Protein backbone atom coordinates (compact mmCIF):
# COMPACT_ATOMS: atom_id res chain seq x y z
CA MET A 1 58.25 6.59 41.83
CA GLU A 2 59.68 4.92 38.74
CA ARG A 3 61.45 7.36 36.45
CA MET A 4 59.48 8.23 33.35
CA THR A 5 60.95 7.70 29.90
CA PRO A 6 62.45 11.00 28.68
CA VAL A 7 60.31 13.04 26.33
CA SER A 8 62.61 12.22 23.39
CA GLY A 9 62.24 8.48 23.99
CA THR A 10 64.41 5.70 25.33
CA PRO A 11 67.99 6.99 25.63
CA VAL A 12 71.00 5.07 24.33
CA ALA A 13 74.61 6.16 24.84
CA ILE A 14 77.60 4.82 22.90
CA ARG A 15 81.29 5.70 23.23
CA SER A 16 84.57 4.97 21.48
CA GLY A 17 87.84 6.76 22.14
CA ALA A 18 87.23 10.51 22.09
CA TYR A 19 83.75 10.12 20.57
CA GLU A 20 80.45 9.95 22.43
CA ALA A 21 76.92 9.85 20.99
CA HIS A 22 73.46 9.86 22.52
CA ILE A 23 70.53 8.44 20.55
CA ALA A 24 66.84 8.98 21.28
CA SER A 25 64.42 6.22 20.31
CA ILE A 26 61.77 8.56 18.87
CA GLY A 27 62.73 8.87 15.23
CA ALA A 28 65.95 6.86 15.85
CA THR A 29 67.36 10.34 16.41
CA LEU A 30 71.00 11.31 16.83
CA ARG A 31 70.55 13.62 19.82
CA THR A 32 74.20 14.48 20.53
CA LEU A 33 77.60 13.72 19.04
CA THR A 34 80.83 14.99 20.61
CA HIS A 35 84.56 14.56 20.13
CA ASP A 36 86.73 15.38 23.15
CA GLY A 37 83.64 17.10 24.55
CA ARG A 38 83.18 19.32 21.46
CA ASP A 39 79.77 19.29 19.78
CA LEU A 40 79.86 18.04 16.17
CA ILE A 41 76.10 18.47 15.72
CA VAL A 42 73.51 20.78 17.25
CA PRO A 43 72.29 18.84 20.32
CA PHE A 44 69.06 18.90 22.27
CA ASP A 45 68.07 17.71 25.73
CA ALA A 46 66.83 14.18 26.39
CA ASP A 47 63.75 15.48 28.22
CA GLU A 48 62.77 17.79 25.37
CA VAL A 49 60.52 17.33 22.36
CA ARG A 50 62.94 17.13 19.45
CA PRO A 51 63.15 20.54 17.75
CA GLY A 52 61.73 19.87 14.30
CA PHE A 53 63.63 17.09 12.53
CA ARG A 54 67.00 17.79 14.20
CA GLY A 55 69.01 14.55 13.98
CA ALA A 56 66.03 12.41 12.92
CA THR A 57 66.09 9.44 10.55
CA LEU A 58 63.97 10.13 7.46
CA ALA A 59 62.08 7.28 5.73
CA PRO A 60 60.33 6.09 3.60
CA TRP A 61 61.13 9.38 1.93
CA PRO A 62 63.39 12.31 2.80
CA ASN A 63 62.49 15.92 2.07
CA ARG A 64 59.10 16.69 0.49
CA VAL A 65 56.31 15.09 -1.49
CA VAL A 66 54.81 18.16 -3.14
CA ASP A 67 51.12 18.63 -2.24
CA GLY A 68 51.30 15.23 -0.51
CA ARG A 69 50.17 13.63 -3.77
CA TYR A 70 51.87 11.14 -6.08
CA THR A 71 51.17 8.33 -8.53
CA PHE A 72 52.90 4.96 -8.24
CA ALA A 73 52.30 1.86 -10.37
CA GLY A 74 49.28 3.55 -11.92
CA GLU A 75 47.59 4.32 -8.59
CA GLU A 76 47.13 7.79 -7.13
CA TYR A 77 47.91 8.38 -3.44
CA ARG A 78 47.40 11.28 -1.07
CA LEU A 79 49.52 11.71 2.07
CA SER A 80 48.79 13.78 5.16
CA LEU A 81 50.23 17.29 4.89
CA THR A 82 52.86 17.42 7.62
CA GLU A 83 54.31 20.71 6.39
CA PRO A 84 51.04 22.67 6.46
CA GLN A 85 52.58 26.10 5.92
CA ARG A 86 53.84 24.92 2.52
CA GLY A 87 51.27 22.22 1.82
CA HIS A 88 53.61 19.21 1.53
CA ALA A 89 54.22 15.83 3.15
CA LEU A 90 57.58 16.29 4.85
CA HIS A 91 60.38 13.86 5.78
CA GLY A 92 58.59 10.54 5.67
CA LEU A 93 56.69 8.54 8.30
CA VAL A 94 59.20 7.36 10.92
CA ALA A 95 60.53 10.63 12.37
CA TRP A 96 57.98 10.53 15.22
CA LEU A 97 57.77 6.74 15.63
CA ASP A 98 59.18 5.28 18.85
CA PHE A 99 61.78 2.79 17.64
CA ALA A 100 62.53 -0.33 19.67
CA VAL A 101 66.10 -0.70 20.88
CA ALA A 102 67.01 -4.08 19.39
CA GLU A 103 70.67 -4.10 20.42
CA ALA A 104 72.83 -1.80 22.52
CA GLY A 105 76.53 -2.21 23.25
CA PRO A 106 79.37 0.06 24.37
CA ASP A 107 80.07 1.46 20.89
CA ALA A 108 77.02 0.51 18.77
CA ALA A 109 73.24 0.35 18.90
CA THR A 110 70.49 -0.86 16.56
CA LEU A 111 66.91 0.42 16.62
CA THR A 112 63.96 -0.90 14.63
CA ALA A 113 60.46 0.21 13.65
CA GLU A 114 57.83 -0.62 11.05
CA VAL A 115 55.97 1.67 8.72
CA VAL A 116 52.48 0.16 8.75
CA PRO A 117 50.09 0.29 5.77
CA GLN A 118 48.10 3.51 5.95
CA ALA A 119 46.25 6.05 3.86
CA GLY A 120 48.66 7.44 1.31
CA TYR A 121 51.30 4.74 1.85
CA PRO A 122 49.75 1.23 1.89
CA TRP A 123 53.00 -0.75 2.35
CA ARG A 124 54.70 -2.33 5.36
CA ILE A 125 58.37 -1.39 5.58
CA ARG A 126 60.74 -2.53 8.32
CA VAL A 127 63.34 0.14 9.10
CA GLU A 128 66.52 -0.83 10.95
CA VAL A 129 68.90 1.93 12.06
CA THR A 130 72.40 1.17 13.37
CA TYR A 131 74.76 3.72 14.92
CA ARG A 132 78.40 2.68 15.37
CA LEU A 133 81.37 4.62 16.77
CA ASP A 134 85.04 3.92 16.07
CA ALA A 135 88.26 5.84 15.53
CA ASP A 136 86.88 7.20 12.22
CA GLY A 137 83.75 8.75 13.76
CA LEU A 138 80.06 7.86 13.81
CA THR A 139 78.57 5.70 11.06
CA GLN A 140 74.80 5.48 10.68
CA THR A 141 73.30 2.75 8.52
CA VAL A 142 69.64 2.47 7.55
CA VAL A 143 68.29 -0.80 6.14
CA ALA A 144 64.70 -0.86 4.85
CA THR A 145 62.97 -4.13 3.99
CA ASN A 146 59.68 -4.33 2.11
CA LEU A 147 57.40 -6.74 4.00
CA SER A 148 54.49 -6.16 1.60
CA GLU A 149 53.29 -8.21 -1.35
CA ASP A 150 53.70 -5.29 -3.74
CA ALA A 151 56.60 -3.04 -4.74
CA ALA A 152 56.86 0.19 -2.74
CA PRO A 153 58.39 3.64 -3.42
CA TYR A 154 61.20 4.41 -1.00
CA GLY A 155 63.94 6.82 -0.01
CA THR A 156 65.92 7.75 3.09
CA GLY A 157 68.41 10.17 4.62
CA PRO A 158 69.45 11.78 7.92
CA HIS A 159 68.92 15.32 9.26
CA PRO A 160 71.92 16.41 11.38
CA TYR A 161 72.94 20.04 11.82
CA LEU A 162 76.73 20.14 11.77
CA VAL A 163 78.69 22.43 14.08
CA ALA A 164 82.19 23.51 13.02
CA GLY A 165 83.14 25.36 16.19
CA ALA A 166 82.37 28.29 18.47
CA ALA A 167 82.25 31.00 15.79
CA PRO A 168 78.93 31.95 14.11
CA LEU A 169 77.89 29.98 11.02
CA ASP A 170 78.59 33.04 8.86
CA ASP A 171 82.31 32.68 9.69
CA TRP A 172 82.57 28.98 8.88
CA THR A 173 84.25 27.71 5.72
CA PHE A 174 82.21 25.23 3.68
CA GLU A 175 83.18 22.75 0.99
CA LEU A 176 80.81 20.62 -1.10
CA PRO A 177 81.94 18.94 -4.37
CA ALA A 178 78.57 19.28 -6.13
CA SER A 179 78.22 20.52 -9.71
CA GLU A 180 74.39 20.73 -9.85
CA VAL A 181 71.69 22.24 -7.67
CA LEU A 182 67.92 21.79 -7.74
CA GLU A 183 66.17 25.13 -8.02
CA VAL A 184 62.94 25.53 -6.03
CA THR A 185 60.10 27.99 -5.75
CA ALA A 186 60.73 30.70 -3.15
CA ASP A 187 57.43 30.28 -1.34
CA ARG A 188 56.94 26.49 -1.15
CA LEU A 189 60.40 25.06 -1.96
CA ALA A 190 58.82 22.95 -4.71
CA PRO A 191 61.44 21.67 -7.21
CA THR A 192 61.64 23.31 -10.61
CA ASP A 193 64.88 22.85 -12.57
CA LEU A 194 68.22 21.15 -12.13
CA VAL A 195 70.99 23.60 -13.05
CA GLN A 196 74.78 23.86 -13.01
CA VAL A 197 76.36 25.67 -10.05
CA ASP A 198 79.15 27.19 -12.16
CA GLY A 199 79.97 30.71 -11.03
CA SER A 200 77.16 30.91 -8.48
CA SER A 201 78.18 32.67 -5.27
CA ARG A 202 75.22 30.98 -3.57
CA PHE A 203 75.62 27.43 -4.82
CA ASP A 204 79.18 26.71 -6.00
CA TRP A 205 81.09 25.32 -3.01
CA ARG A 206 83.53 23.10 -4.88
CA THR A 207 86.30 25.42 -3.70
CA PRO A 208 86.16 25.99 0.08
CA ARG A 209 85.07 29.47 1.12
CA THR A 210 83.34 31.32 3.93
CA LEU A 211 79.56 30.91 4.13
CA GLY A 212 78.92 34.55 4.99
CA ALA A 213 75.27 35.62 4.90
CA VAL A 214 74.26 33.17 2.15
CA GLU A 215 70.92 31.39 2.63
CA ILE A 216 70.59 27.85 1.31
CA ASP A 217 67.79 25.29 1.54
CA HIS A 218 68.46 23.29 -1.62
CA ALA A 219 69.35 19.82 -2.86
CA PHE A 220 72.63 19.27 -4.70
CA THR A 221 73.84 16.45 -6.95
CA GLY A 222 76.57 15.82 -9.50
CA LEU A 223 78.86 14.93 -6.62
CA ALA A 224 82.58 14.41 -7.16
CA ARG A 225 83.72 11.35 -5.23
CA THR A 226 86.94 9.70 -4.11
CA GLY A 227 86.69 5.92 -4.11
CA GLY A 228 82.91 6.25 -4.43
CA VAL A 229 82.66 8.52 -1.39
CA ALA A 230 81.42 12.14 -1.36
CA ALA A 231 82.40 14.52 1.44
CA ALA A 232 81.07 17.79 2.82
CA ARG A 233 83.26 19.76 5.21
CA VAL A 234 82.68 22.76 7.43
CA THR A 235 85.47 24.39 9.45
CA ASP A 236 85.69 27.11 12.08
CA PRO A 237 88.26 29.96 12.00
CA SER A 238 89.80 28.37 15.12
CA GLY A 239 90.76 25.32 13.06
CA THR A 240 88.15 22.86 14.33
CA GLY A 241 85.61 21.32 12.00
CA VAL A 242 83.44 18.39 11.02
CA GLU A 243 83.18 16.21 7.93
CA MET A 244 80.27 14.17 6.64
CA THR A 245 80.81 11.42 4.05
CA TRP A 246 78.45 9.08 2.21
CA GLY A 247 78.43 6.46 -0.52
CA GLU A 248 77.12 6.19 -4.08
CA GLU A 249 73.71 4.94 -2.91
CA LEU A 250 73.06 8.57 -1.89
CA PRO A 251 73.45 10.70 -5.04
CA TRP A 252 71.77 13.78 -3.51
CA VAL A 253 72.40 16.01 -0.49
CA GLN A 254 70.20 18.72 1.00
CA ILE A 255 72.02 21.72 2.48
CA HIS A 256 70.23 24.14 4.82
CA THR A 257 71.75 27.12 6.62
CA ALA A 258 68.99 26.87 9.26
CA ASP A 259 67.51 30.27 8.51
CA GLN A 260 64.33 30.90 10.51
CA PRO A 261 61.36 33.02 9.31
CA ASP A 262 61.66 35.30 12.36
CA GLY A 263 65.42 35.64 11.94
CA ALA A 264 67.76 36.31 14.84
CA ALA A 265 64.82 36.53 17.26
CA ASN A 266 64.67 32.73 17.00
CA PRO A 267 67.46 31.00 18.99
CA ALA A 268 67.64 28.28 16.31
CA HIS A 269 68.43 30.82 13.55
CA ARG A 270 71.58 29.70 11.67
CA ILE A 271 72.53 27.53 14.66
CA GLY A 272 74.16 24.88 12.47
CA LEU A 273 74.49 23.66 8.90
CA ALA A 274 72.11 20.85 7.94
CA VAL A 275 73.83 18.32 5.69
CA GLU A 276 71.37 15.63 4.60
CA PRO A 277 72.62 12.96 2.17
CA MET A 278 69.62 11.45 0.38
CA THR A 279 68.97 8.41 -1.78
CA CYS A 280 66.63 10.52 -3.89
CA ALA A 281 65.75 14.08 -4.81
CA PRO A 282 63.03 16.13 -3.16
CA ASP A 283 59.61 15.07 -4.50
CA ALA A 284 61.08 11.88 -5.97
CA PHE A 285 57.71 10.15 -5.51
CA ASN A 286 56.64 12.38 -8.43
CA ASP A 287 59.68 11.54 -10.54
CA ASP A 288 57.59 11.53 -13.72
CA ARG A 289 57.26 15.33 -13.41
CA TYR A 290 60.97 15.95 -13.87
CA ASP A 291 63.46 15.65 -16.71
CA PHE A 292 66.28 14.46 -14.42
CA ASP A 293 66.85 11.22 -12.53
CA ALA A 294 65.22 11.78 -9.13
CA GLY A 295 66.64 8.52 -7.78
CA LEU A 296 63.42 6.97 -6.50
CA ILE A 297 64.01 3.45 -5.15
CA VAL A 298 61.39 0.87 -6.08
CA LEU A 299 61.57 -1.64 -3.27
CA GLU A 300 60.36 -5.01 -4.49
CA PRO A 301 58.56 -7.44 -2.12
CA GLY A 302 61.09 -8.94 0.30
CA ALA A 303 63.87 -6.70 -0.99
CA ALA A 304 66.06 -4.46 1.18
CA ALA A 305 67.81 -1.16 0.53
CA THR A 306 70.77 0.15 2.53
CA GLY A 307 72.07 3.69 3.02
CA SER A 308 75.07 4.70 5.12
CA TRP A 309 76.87 7.93 6.10
CA ARG A 310 79.56 9.02 8.53
CA ILE A 311 80.21 12.11 10.69
CA ALA A 312 83.76 12.78 11.94
CA ALA A 313 85.69 15.51 13.69
CA LEU A 314 88.29 17.55 11.80
């Protein structure tokens, strides 16, 4: 009997030096990433339905569209509520699409899919995702092209959970050079105000320190950069760690300590630190609601937008 495709989709493996990555075609998902056999992200099995959005590519928006409703170019749209417990449209439209493997080589692979016109998002967007390994780690690049006759709202980002080492997340040291954080409502995580992180034990990570019991599920901006590049780092007491870097086309980053509603009874509770660089803020499709720049990309007909980020061992 011919072997069935794994539950997570067509598998692709790439390797370079001490790095190895496994990609699943559903959601163009980064399923595993290791360096010398050490996990740099929280993995999952090939023959397993991806746990939530772990490692998925997010487009044509990352994070949430509050209430699944927005207005664009004078028209009102209503998306399906894919986060029913909070009543939002979550993480775009490609996370559960089965991408086609367009190219696959020893150290790189490209996967493609199309967002088709549909209720709530009547545009056709081609999404091309390339993973490439080299001595500097894994680089993921997402290129979106608007194949429609009208301009389209757009945003993207990834959803990896970084793993510093064998110690619990509470013992890891975290560094993020962000001066502003987007406050949200406690019940629905709907954005409210953009505030300075100064002096906040929960949100000011510009100086590296231990995460402890802090709970975070917030978007940060005001990123300090070196040569246009922002970096988040998490390290284990043993000295191992992982770094994620991204360019100026991604002015936001969502940080989540992976807290689960049922706490330690859930094996995924605080299993890794989600670091999600984003081209736009949560609920950017409703940018007219906010008094800050939400970073919404307006993708003109035929135009393309590119976002890129890198994960590397420390």
